[in-house]
């Protein structure tokens, strides 16, 4: 929940600047997370969430807000460039994270 609050804070700063802008919002979740979390234990699940978050964050622009919504669900808000640019960046990050070995 803390990451969501940090994301909210950054969004609020942008709005307060008074500049109009567009953004692209994406919602992600980790497929089959519950099965692995239950099967290998919650410590392993926490490790997966942290690795996923770090790997995703490392591959996204610093101008992109990456926040955990809850469980294995995440929100990405890209507030720069076009929807196509945001989609390309997100797809590249997803491709790299998909191949992660844990």
C-alpha atoms as a PDB file:
ATOM      1  CA  UNK A   1       0.000   0.000   0.000  1.00  0.00           C
ATOM      2  CA  UNK A   2       2.917   2.328   0.616  1.00  0.00           C
ATOM      3  CA  UNK A   3       3.876   2.312  -3.077  1.00  0.00           C
ATOM      4  CA  UNK A   4       0.353   3.377  -4.017  1.00  0.00           C
ATOM      5  CA  UNK A   5       0.623   6.323  -1.637  1.00  0.00           C
ATOM      6  CA  UNK A   6       3.963   7.329  -3.166  1.00  0.00           C
ATOM      7  CA  UNK A   7       2.422   7.100  -6.634  1.00  0.00           C
ATOM      8  CA  UNK A   8      -0.533   9.195  -5.467  1.00  0.00           C
ATOM      9  CA  UNK A   9       1.873  11.803  -4.095  1.00  0.00           C
ATOM     10  CA  UNK A  10       3.709  12.109  -7.425  1.00  0.00           C
ATOM     11  CA  UNK A  11       0.403  12.353  -9.293  1.00  0.00           C
ATOM     12  CA  UNK A  12      -0.776  15.098  -6.923  1.00  0.00           C
ATOM     13  CA  UNK A  13       2.433  17.047  -7.565  1.00  0.00           C
ATOM     14  CA  UNK A  14       1.806  16.918 -11.308  1.00  0.00           C
ATOM     15  CA  UNK A  15      -1.759  18.117 -10.935  1.00  0.00           C
ATOM     16  CA  UNK A  16      -0.705  20.981  -8.639  1.00  0.00           C
ATOM     17  CA  UNK A  17       1.673  22.305 -11.296  1.00  0.00           C
ATOM     18  CA  UNK A  18      -1.424  23.292 -13.221  1.00  0.00           C
ATOM     19  CA  UNK A  19      -0.243  21.781 -16.468  1.00  0.00           C
ATOM     20  CA  UNK A  20      -2.709  19.740 -18.432  1.00  0.00           C
ATOM     21  CA  UNK A  21      -1.343  16.411 -19.475  1.00  0.00           C
ATOM     22  CA  UNK A  22      -2.506  13.053 -20.674  1.00  0.00           C
ATOM     23  CA  UNK A  23      -1.521   9.741 -19.259  1.00  0.00           C
ATOM     24  CA  UNK A  24      -1.753   6.038 -19.957  1.00  0.00           C
ATOM     25  CA  UNK A  25      -2.882   3.765 -17.124  1.00  0.00           C
ATOM     26  CA  UNK A  26      -2.140   0.038 -17.115  1.00  0.00           C
ATOM     27  CA  UNK A  27      -3.153  -2.561 -14.553  1.00  0.00           C
ATOM     28  CA  UNK A  28      -0.944  -5.649 -14.201  1.00  0.00           C
ATOM     29  CA  UNK A  29      -1.182  -8.813 -12.197  1.00  0.00           C
ATOM     30  CA  UNK A  30       1.124 -11.802 -11.846  1.00  0.00           C
ATOM     31  CA  UNK A  31      -0.457 -14.871 -13.446  1.00  0.00           C
ATOM     32  CA  UNK A  32      -0.897 -17.892 -11.158  1.00  0.00           C
ATOM     33  CA  UNK A  33       0.652 -16.030  -8.210  1.00  0.00           C
ATOM     34  CA  UNK A  34      -1.693 -17.572  -5.631  1.00  0.00           C
ATOM     35  CA  UNK A  35      -0.736 -21.102  -6.713  1.00  0.00           C
ATOM     36  CA  UNK A  36       2.973 -20.405  -6.180  1.00  0.00           C
ATOM     37  CA  UNK A  37       2.441 -18.356  -3.043  1.00  0.00           C
ATOM     38  CA  UNK A  38       0.394 -21.149  -1.476  1.00  0.00           C
ATOM     39  CA  UNK A  39       2.633 -23.924  -2.796  1.00  0.00           C
ATOM     40  CA  UNK A  40       6.031 -22.462  -1.877  1.00  0.00           C
ATOM     41  CA  UNK A  41       5.053 -20.290   1.076  1.00  0.00           C
ATOM     42  CA  UNK A  42       4.479 -16.632   1.730  1.00  0.00           C
ATOM     43  CA  UNK A  43       8.186 -15.831   2.101  1.00  0.00           C
ATOM     44  CA  UNK A  44       8.684 -17.014  -1.475  1.00  0.00           C
ATOM     45  CA  UNK A  45       5.614 -15.017  -2.532  1.00  0.00           C
ATOM     46  CA  UNK A  46       7.052 -11.882  -0.935  1.00  0.00           C
ATOM     47  CA  UNK A  47      10.336 -12.518  -2.736  1.00  0.00           C
ATOM     48  CA  UNK A  48       8.501 -12.833  -6.071  1.00  0.00           C
ATOM     49  CA  UNK A  49       6.589  -9.586  -5.471  1.00  0.00           C
ATOM     50  CA  UNK A  50       9.779  -7.711  -4.574  1.00  0.00           C
ATOM     51  CA  UNK A  51      11.702  -9.100  -7.560  1.00  0.00           C
ATOM     52  CA  UNK A  52       8.832  -8.384  -9.942  1.00  0.00           C
ATOM     53  CA  UNK A  53       8.518  -4.847  -8.595  1.00  0.00           C
ATOM     54  CA  UNK A  54      12.236  -4.144  -8.795  1.00  0.00           C
ATOM     55  CA  UNK A  55      12.683  -5.653 -12.257  1.00  0.00           C
ATOM     56  CA  UNK A  56       9.628  -3.782 -13.563  1.00  0.00           C
ATOM     57  CA  UNK A  57      10.662  -0.490 -11.980  1.00  0.00           C
ATOM     58  CA  UNK A  58      14.189  -0.813 -13.401  1.00  0.00           C
ATOM     59  CA  UNK A  59      12.808  -1.161 -16.921  1.00  0.00           C
ATOM     60  CA  UNK A  60      10.348   1.729 -16.808  1.00  0.00           C
ATOM     61  CA  UNK A  61      11.108   5.394 -17.271  1.00  0.00           C
ATOM     62  CA  UNK A  62      11.696   7.478 -14.164  1.00  0.00           C
ATOM     63  CA  UNK A  63       8.687   9.508 -15.291  1.00  0.00           C
ATOM     64  CA  UNK A  64       6.451   6.463 -14.944  1.00  0.00           C
ATOM     65  CA  UNK A  65       4.553   5.870 -11.711  1.00  0.00           C
ATOM     66  CA  UNK A  66       4.681   2.212 -10.679  1.00  0.00           C
ATOM     67  CA  UNK A  67       2.518   1.300  -7.675  1.00  0.00           C
ATOM     68  CA  UNK A  68       1.287  -1.860  -6.027  1.00  0.00           C
ATOM     69  CA  UNK A  69      -2.486  -1.886  -5.722  1.00  0.00           C
ATOM     70  CA  UNK A  70      -2.628  -4.965  -3.507  1.00  0.00           C
ATOM     71  CA  UNK A  71      -1.890  -8.661  -3.629  1.00  0.00           C
ATOM     72  CA  UNK A  72      -0.228  -9.312  -6.967  1.00  0.00           C
ATOM     73  CA  UNK A  73      -1.855  -6.360  -8.738  1.00  0.00           C
ATOM     74  CA  UNK A  74       0.066  -3.293  -9.863  1.00  0.00           C
ATOM     75  CA  UNK A  75      -0.742  -0.006 -11.579  1.00  0.00           C
ATOM     76  CA  UNK A  76       1.471   1.843 -14.030  1.00  0.00           C
ATOM     77  CA  UNK A  77       0.782   5.467 -14.949  1.00  0.00           C
ATOM     78  CA  UNK A  78       2.837   6.871 -17.824  1.00  0.00           C
ATOM     79  CA  UNK A  79       2.373  10.621 -18.135  1.00  0.00           C
ATOM     80  CA  UNK A  80       4.734  11.399 -20.971  1.00  0.00           C
ATOM     81  CA  UNK A  81       4.739  10.890 -24.703  1.00  0.00           C
ATOM     82  CA  UNK A  82       1.982   9.165 -26.575  1.00  0.00           C
ATOM     83  CA  UNK A  83      -0.094   6.108 -25.779  1.00  0.00           C
ATOM     84  CA  UNK A  84       2.027   4.239 -28.322  1.00  0.00           C
ATOM     85  CA  UNK A  85       5.235   5.209 -26.515  1.00  0.00           C
ATOM     86  CA  UNK A  86       3.795   4.081 -23.184  1.00  0.00           C
ATOM     87  CA  UNK A  87       2.564   0.816 -24.718  1.00  0.00           C
ATOM     88  CA  UNK A  88       5.975   0.108 -26.255  1.00  0.00           C
ATOM     89  CA  UNK A  89       7.755   0.794 -22.955  1.00  0.00           C
ATOM     90  CA  UNK A  90       5.338  -1.388 -21.015  1.00  0.00           C
ATOM     91  CA  UNK A  91       5.563  -4.225 -23.541  1.00  0.00           C
ATOM     92  CA  UNK A  92       9.356  -4.168 -23.383  1.00  0.00           C
ATOM     93  CA  UNK A  93       9.283  -4.289 -19.574  1.00  0.00           C
ATOM     94  CA  UNK A  94       6.754  -7.132 -19.597  1.00  0.00           C
ATOM     95  CA  UNK A  95       8.812  -9.142 -22.087  1.00  0.00           C
ATOM     96  CA  UNK A  96      11.904  -8.842 -19.897  1.00  0.00           C
ATOM     97  CA  UNK A  97      10.061  -9.602 -16.659  1.00  0.00           C
ATOM     98  CA  UNK A  98       8.265 -12.574 -18.260  1.00  0.00           C
ATOM     99  CA  UNK A  99      11.656 -14.238 -18.783  1.00  0.00           C
ATOM    100  CA  UNK A 100      12.750 -13.684 -15.175  1.00  0.00           C
ATOM    101  CA  UNK A 101      14.191 -16.757 -13.481  1.00  0.00           C
ATOM    102  CA  UNK A 102      13.424 -17.078  -9.769  1.00  0.00           C
END
